[in-house]
Amino acid sequence: MKIILTILLISFTLTSYAISDDAGTTGFAFSKLTFSPRAAALGYAYAGIANDAEAVFYNPAGLYQITEKQISFIYTSYLMDINCGAIVYTQPVSGNSNTSFYARFLSTEEIRTEADDQGNYIGENGTFGASDLEFGAAFAHHFSSTLNVGANAKVIYESLDSHSATAIAFDFGLYHITTNPKLHLGLVLRNVGIQLSHFTSSEYDEQLPSAVDLGFGYRANSRLILSVDAYKPLKSDFYGRFGAEYSVHPMMKLRMGYKTDSSDWKKGGDGEALAGISGGFAINWQNYVLNYAFLSYGDLGLVNQISISYNF
């Protein structure tokens, strides 16, 4: 297993230095969105923590850490009045394995405008919508006291007005507890798959937004967790993610994070200084957990996420 980990880490290091000429050209952009207020508050530095039901979106191998049935309902208020949501159910199936099932969606509706032959605006003509659906199932297996593996299979459906496309994709994850039990490592390959149907009769291949994520989670003490992820979309540039979680009380945790790709959202306005910064909190009460997060997209605005989880 050490040889396998070494090969994967070397492969990640080599690809992380490659700057792709195809940056931003992938389709199925919905698969780039991830649903978890906890992870969002930590700047999405979560592959090396991944110890709740929402780990299915970040590192399926981390699901092995869940010891009881858990369900989570997630809502995201995205940019431009786009609404997103998800439901995740996870349960142990044996002493060494866990399964998870989820569904998530995105929907928005815009006014359709018309222009004359010279490009001049002449009025409105109803509305058009865009929507996305994804259904997935994950499996995690506890191989040893130091190594766990997981995989996620998903079907993705995207529609824009009267056109639609579908794809099937997979995520593969490793979760490793190092010789220092406080330090956990996660390695994930996301969105590897094929397109099943196309938006147009030309059958143009949209390409899935595949990415590699190497994450470290460090349990500094009983109250503080630090996380760092090195994230590399295969069709875009490498960037980093950073997070910290502190337990101020057994019933409350505070979180903050940062993403280094924030320069994409800096447009010279008043909000650009906050681009890439995230934060949030969690409140625990009996078997319920309420999580909230915000993520600043600079001058584009804030994305808010909230979830309610229940442990059976």
Protein backbone atom coordinates (compact mmCIF):
# COMPACT_ATOMS: atom_id res chain seq x y z
CA MET A 1 0.00 0.00 0.00
CA LYS A 2 2.93 2.35 0.67
CA ILE A 3 4.09 1.84 -2.93
CA ILE A 4 0.59 2.66 -4.25
CA LEU A 5 0.41 5.83 -2.15
CA THR A 6 3.88 6.88 -3.32
CA ILE A 7 2.97 6.41 -7.00
CA LEU A 8 -0.27 8.39 -6.59
CA LEU A 9 1.49 11.21 -4.77
CA ILE A 10 4.19 11.44 -7.46
CA SER A 11 1.52 11.49 -10.18
CA PHE A 12 -0.29 14.31 -8.39
CA THR A 13 2.93 16.31 -7.99
CA LEU A 14 3.74 16.06 -11.69
CA THR A 15 0.28 17.09 -12.86
CA SER A 16 0.10 19.99 -10.41
CA TYR A 17 2.90 21.79 -12.25
CA ALA A 18 1.22 21.52 -15.64
CA ILE A 19 -0.72 24.59 -16.77
CA SER A 20 -3.41 23.43 -19.15
CA ASP A 21 -4.24 25.20 -22.39
CA ASP A 22 -7.79 23.86 -21.99
CA ALA A 23 -8.57 25.77 -18.77
CA GLY A 24 -12.26 26.48 -18.46
CA THR A 25 -13.30 24.33 -21.44
CA THR A 26 -15.03 21.46 -19.61
CA GLY A 27 -18.77 20.96 -19.53
CA PHE A 28 -21.07 19.63 -16.81
CA ALA A 29 -20.04 22.54 -14.61
CA PHE A 30 -22.62 21.49 -12.02
CA SER A 31 -20.23 18.71 -10.97
CA LYS A 32 -17.73 21.35 -9.87
CA LEU A 33 -20.14 22.52 -7.17
CA THR A 34 -19.91 20.79 -3.83
CA PHE A 35 -22.51 20.76 -1.09
CA SER A 36 -21.40 20.98 2.54
CA PRO A 37 -21.49 24.07 4.77
CA ARG A 38 -18.74 22.62 6.90
CA ALA A 39 -16.42 22.10 3.95
CA ALA A 40 -17.37 25.48 2.44
CA ALA A 41 -16.52 27.28 5.70
CA LEU A 42 -13.13 25.53 5.65
CA GLY A 43 -12.37 26.85 2.16
CA TYR A 44 -13.23 23.39 0.77
CA ALA A 45 -10.05 22.01 2.38
CA TYR A 46 -11.84 18.82 3.36
CA ALA A 47 -10.33 15.75 1.66
CA GLY A 48 -8.17 15.04 4.73
CA ILE A 49 -11.09 15.39 7.21
CA ALA A 50 -14.21 14.00 5.45
CA ASN A 51 -15.84 12.49 8.53
CA ASP A 52 -19.55 13.17 8.00
CA ALA A 53 -22.22 12.23 5.45
CA GLU A 54 -21.24 15.13 3.18
CA ALA A 55 -17.82 13.50 2.70
CA VAL A 56 -19.48 11.78 -0.27
CA PHE A 57 -18.85 15.02 -2.23
CA TYR A 58 -15.19 15.38 -1.18
CA ASN A 59 -13.62 12.04 -0.33
CA PRO A 60 -15.80 8.91 -0.30
CA ALA A 61 -13.07 6.99 1.55
CA GLY A 62 -13.69 9.21 4.59
CA LEU A 63 -17.20 7.79 4.98
CA TYR A 64 -15.73 4.86 6.93
CA GLN A 65 -15.48 7.20 9.94
CA ILE A 66 -19.29 7.36 10.33
CA THR A 67 -20.40 4.89 13.00
CA GLU A 68 -24.20 5.36 12.86
CA LYS A 69 -26.94 6.16 10.37
CA GLN A 70 -26.89 9.80 9.32
CA ILE A 71 -29.01 11.95 7.03
CA SER A 72 -28.23 15.49 5.89
CA PHE A 73 -30.35 18.12 4.11
CA ILE A 74 -28.39 20.91 2.40
CA TYR A 75 -29.46 24.16 0.76
CA THR A 76 -27.23 26.60 -1.14
CA SER A 77 -28.19 30.12 -2.16
CA TYR A 78 -25.81 30.55 -5.09
CA LEU A 79 -24.95 33.56 -7.21
CA MET A 80 -27.53 35.19 -9.54
CA ASP A 81 -30.51 33.72 -7.66
CA ILE A 82 -29.47 30.16 -8.49
CA ASN A 83 -30.81 27.64 -5.98
CA CYS A 84 -29.11 24.36 -5.14
CA GLY A 85 -29.84 21.57 -2.70
CA ALA A 86 -28.96 18.03 -1.72
CA ILE A 87 -29.98 15.14 0.51
CA VAL A 88 -27.46 12.55 1.69
CA TYR A 89 -28.06 9.33 3.60
CA THR A 90 -25.18 7.27 5.01
CA GLN A 91 -25.08 4.10 7.07
CA PRO A 92 -22.59 1.41 8.13
CA VAL A 93 -23.23 -1.97 6.45
CA SER A 94 -20.61 -3.95 8.38
CA GLY A 95 -17.81 -3.41 10.84
CA ASN A 96 -15.51 -2.34 7.99
CA SER A 97 -17.78 -0.80 5.34
CA ASN A 98 -20.18 2.11 4.87
CA THR A 99 -22.55 3.09 2.08
CA SER A 100 -24.04 6.42 1.11
CA PHE A 101 -26.79 7.54 -1.28
CA TYR A 102 -27.52 11.09 -2.38
CA ALA A 103 -29.38 13.35 -4.77
CA ARG A 104 -28.67 16.99 -5.53
CA PHE A 105 -30.07 19.67 -7.83
CA LEU A 106 -29.61 23.14 -9.28
CA SER A 107 -32.33 25.28 -10.83
CA THR A 108 -32.73 28.79 -12.19
CA GLU A 109 -35.07 30.67 -14.52
CA GLU A 110 -34.28 33.75 -16.58
CA ILE A 111 -36.28 36.14 -18.76
CA ARG A 112 -35.87 35.54 -22.48
CA THR A 113 -35.13 38.74 -24.40
CA GLU A 114 -35.26 39.43 -28.13
CA ALA A 115 -33.29 41.70 -30.46
CA ASP A 116 -33.77 42.90 -34.00
CA ASP A 117 -31.40 42.25 -36.92
CA GLN A 118 -29.20 45.13 -35.77
CA GLY A 119 -28.93 43.72 -32.26
CA ASN A 120 -31.22 46.28 -30.63
CA TYR A 121 -33.36 45.16 -27.70
CA ILE A 122 -37.03 44.86 -28.71
CA GLY A 123 -38.64 43.23 -25.67
CA GLU A 124 -39.22 40.13 -23.63
CA ASN A 125 -40.54 36.78 -24.81
CA GLY A 126 -41.28 34.53 -21.86
CA THR A 127 -38.64 32.74 -19.83
CA PHE A 128 -36.12 29.95 -20.18
CA GLY A 129 -34.68 27.74 -17.50
CA ALA A 130 -31.61 25.73 -16.63
CA SER A 131 -31.52 22.78 -14.28
CA ASP A 132 -29.17 20.03 -13.14
CA LEU A 133 -29.74 16.77 -11.32
CA GLU A 134 -27.28 14.27 -9.94
CA PHE A 135 -27.89 10.91 -8.26
CA GLY A 136 -25.08 8.96 -6.67
CA ALA A 137 -24.08 6.04 -4.47
CA ALA A 138 -20.80 5.62 -2.59
CA PHE A 139 -19.01 2.83 -0.80
CA ALA A 140 -16.14 3.03 1.71
CA HIS A 141 -14.06 0.16 3.07
CA HIS A 142 -11.75 0.10 6.07
CA PHE A 143 -8.69 -1.87 4.91
CA SER A 144 -6.50 -1.40 7.95
CA SER A 145 -5.85 0.91 10.87
CA THR A 146 -4.04 3.28 8.50
CA LEU A 147 -5.72 2.95 5.09
CA ASN A 148 -9.29 3.26 3.80
CA VAL A 149 -10.64 3.34 0.25
CA GLY A 150 -13.85 4.61 -1.27
CA ALA A 151 -15.63 5.19 -4.56
CA ASN A 152 -18.66 7.12 -5.73
CA ALA A 153 -20.73 6.44 -8.87
CA LYS A 154 -23.10 9.14 -10.17
CA VAL A 155 -25.43 9.98 -13.02
CA ILE A 156 -25.53 13.65 -14.08
CA TYR A 157 -28.33 15.35 -16.03
CA GLU A 158 -28.08 18.93 -17.34
CA SER A 159 -30.72 20.90 -19.21
CA LEU A 160 -30.72 24.34 -20.80
CA ASP A 161 -34.04 25.48 -22.24
CA SER A 162 -35.16 22.58 -24.46
CA HIS A 163 -31.73 20.91 -24.68
CA SER A 164 -30.21 18.37 -22.32
CA ALA A 165 -27.21 16.11 -21.81
CA THR A 166 -26.32 13.24 -19.48
CA ALA A 167 -23.14 11.64 -18.19
CA ILE A 168 -21.97 8.97 -15.80
CA ALA A 169 -18.95 9.65 -13.60
CA PHE A 170 -16.94 8.21 -10.74
CA ASP A 171 -14.88 9.52 -7.81
CA PHE A 172 -12.09 7.44 -6.24
CA GLY A 173 -10.63 8.21 -2.85
CA LEU A 174 -7.99 7.13 -0.35
CA TYR A 175 -7.95 8.09 3.32
CA HIS A 176 -4.68 7.47 5.17
CA ILE A 177 -3.87 7.88 8.87
CA THR A 178 -0.15 8.58 9.02
CA THR A 179 2.36 7.39 11.63
CA ASN A 180 1.35 10.53 13.50
CA PRO A 181 -2.29 9.72 14.39
CA LYS A 182 -3.10 13.43 14.51
CA LEU A 183 -2.31 13.79 10.80
CA HIS A 184 -4.72 12.35 8.22
CA LEU A 185 -4.25 12.38 4.44
CA GLY A 186 -6.88 12.23 1.73
CA LEU A 187 -6.29 11.72 -1.99
CA VAL A 188 -9.20 11.93 -4.45
CA LEU A 189 -9.67 11.66 -8.21
CA ARG A 190 -13.01 13.26 -9.11
CA ASN A 191 -15.38 13.15 -12.09
CA VAL A 192 -13.85 10.45 -14.25
CA GLY A 193 -16.44 9.16 -16.72
CA ILE A 194 -18.18 9.42 -20.07
CA GLN A 195 -20.95 11.46 -21.67
CA LEU A 196 -24.06 9.44 -22.48
CA SER A 197 -26.17 11.97 -24.42
CA HIS A 198 -25.48 15.37 -25.93
CA PHE A 199 -27.05 18.83 -26.08
CA THR A 200 -27.11 18.86 -29.89
CA SER A 201 -27.20 16.41 -32.77
CA SER A 202 -23.53 17.17 -33.48
CA GLU A 203 -22.73 15.16 -30.33
CA TYR A 204 -20.05 17.57 -29.19
CA ASP A 205 -18.18 16.06 -26.23
CA GLU A 206 -18.61 18.39 -23.23
CA GLN A 207 -15.84 16.68 -21.19
CA LEU A 208 -16.22 16.17 -17.47
CA PRO A 209 -14.48 18.53 -15.00
CA SER A 210 -12.02 15.94 -13.67
CA ALA A 211 -9.74 16.97 -10.81
CA VAL A 212 -7.22 15.64 -8.30
CA ASP A 213 -7.37 16.69 -4.65
CA LEU A 214 -4.66 16.02 -2.06
CA GLY A 215 -5.72 17.02 1.45
CA PHE A 216 -4.22 17.02 4.93
CA GLY A 217 -6.22 17.22 8.15
CA TYR A 218 -4.34 17.85 11.41
CA ARG A 219 -6.03 17.36 14.79
CA ALA A 220 -3.91 19.78 16.80
CA ASN A 221 -5.85 19.04 19.99
CA SER A 222 -9.36 18.16 21.15
CA ARG A 223 -10.64 21.58 20.03
CA LEU A 224 -8.65 22.58 16.94
CA ILE A 225 -8.52 21.02 13.46
CA LEU A 226 -6.41 22.48 10.65
CA SER A 227 -6.74 21.49 7.00
CA VAL A 228 -4.83 22.12 3.77
CA ASP A 229 -5.74 20.87 0.28
CA ALA A 230 -3.79 21.06 -2.96
CA TYR A 231 -6.41 21.05 -5.73
CA LYS A 232 -5.69 20.49 -9.42
CA PRO A 233 -8.45 20.44 -12.06
CA LEU A 234 -7.04 18.44 -14.97
CA LYS A 235 -8.16 21.15 -17.42
CA SER A 236 -7.15 24.15 -15.31
CA ASP A 237 -4.51 25.49 -12.97
CA PHE A 238 -3.39 24.31 -9.55
CA TYR A 239 -4.52 26.14 -6.39
CA GLY A 240 -4.62 25.73 -2.62
CA ARG A 241 -7.35 25.56 0.02
CA PHE A 242 -6.95 26.25 3.74
CA GLY A 243 -9.26 25.83 6.72
CA ALA A 244 -9.47 25.88 10.52
CA GLU A 245 -12.17 24.64 12.88
CA TYR A 246 -12.27 25.48 16.60
CA SER A 247 -14.66 24.10 19.19
CA VAL A 248 -15.59 26.98 21.50
CA HIS A 249 -18.10 24.81 23.36
CA PRO A 250 -19.29 21.17 23.12
CA MET A 251 -22.37 22.56 21.36
CA MET A 252 -20.69 25.08 19.03
CA LYS A 253 -17.82 25.21 16.53
CA LEU A 254 -16.44 28.14 14.55
CA ARG A 255 -14.76 27.81 11.16
CA MET A 256 -12.84 29.87 8.63
CA GLY A 257 -11.08 29.21 5.33
CA TYR A 258 -9.52 30.58 2.17
CA LYS A 259 -9.12 29.55 -1.49
CA THR A 260 -6.17 30.84 -3.53
CA ASP A 261 -8.10 31.00 -6.82
CA SER A 262 -9.81 34.15 -5.53
CA SER A 263 -8.08 36.31 -8.16
CA ASP A 264 -10.71 35.06 -10.62
CA TRP A 265 -13.35 37.06 -8.70
CA LYS A 266 -11.45 40.32 -8.20
CA LYS A 267 -12.89 42.94 -10.52
CA GLY A 268 -11.68 46.13 -8.86
CA GLY A 269 -14.77 46.74 -6.74
CA ASP A 270 -15.24 47.24 -3.02
CA GLY A 271 -15.67 43.54 -2.32
CA GLU A 272 -12.53 42.20 -3.97
CA ALA A 273 -10.51 42.21 -0.71
CA LEU A 274 -12.82 39.51 0.65
CA ALA A 275 -12.63 37.24 -2.40
CA GLY A 276 -11.88 33.65 -1.45
CA ILE A 277 -12.56 34.09 2.27
CA SER A 278 -15.08 31.80 3.93
CA GLY A 279 -16.44 31.18 7.40
CA GLY A 280 -19.23 29.59 9.35
CA PHE A 281 -20.34 27.72 12.44
CA ALA A 282 -21.98 24.54 13.70
CA ILE A 283 -24.49 24.07 16.50
CA ASN A 284 -24.99 20.61 18.00
CA TRP A 285 -28.16 19.75 19.90
CA GLN A 286 -28.96 16.21 20.89
CA ASN A 287 -28.90 14.22 17.61
CA TYR A 288 -29.14 17.30 15.38
CA VAL A 289 -26.37 19.40 13.83
CA LEU A 290 -26.99 22.78 12.18
CA ASN A 291 -24.20 24.00 9.89
CA TYR A 292 -23.93 27.39 8.20
CA ALA A 293 -21.27 28.81 5.87
CA PHE A 294 -20.61 31.80 3.65
CA LEU A 295 -18.08 32.04 0.85
CA SER A 296 -17.12 35.38 -0.68
CA TYR A 297 -16.85 35.64 -4.46
CA GLY A 298 -15.58 39.19 -4.17
CA ASP A 299 -17.53 41.68 -6.26
CA LEU A 300 -19.85 38.90 -7.44
CA GLY A 301 -21.32 38.50 -3.96
CA LEU A 302 -21.70 35.87 -1.25
CA VAL A 303 -22.73 32.23 -1.51
CA ASN A 304 -24.58 30.94 1.57
CA GLN A 305 -24.96 27.29 2.56
CA ILE A 306 -26.96 25.72 5.38
CA SER A 307 -27.56 22.12 6.38
CA ILE A 308 -29.37 20.14 9.03
CA SER A 309 -28.09 16.68 9.87
CA TYR A 310 -29.59 13.99 12.06
CA ASN A 311 -27.81 11.01 13.60
CA PHE A 312 -30.10 8.03 14.15
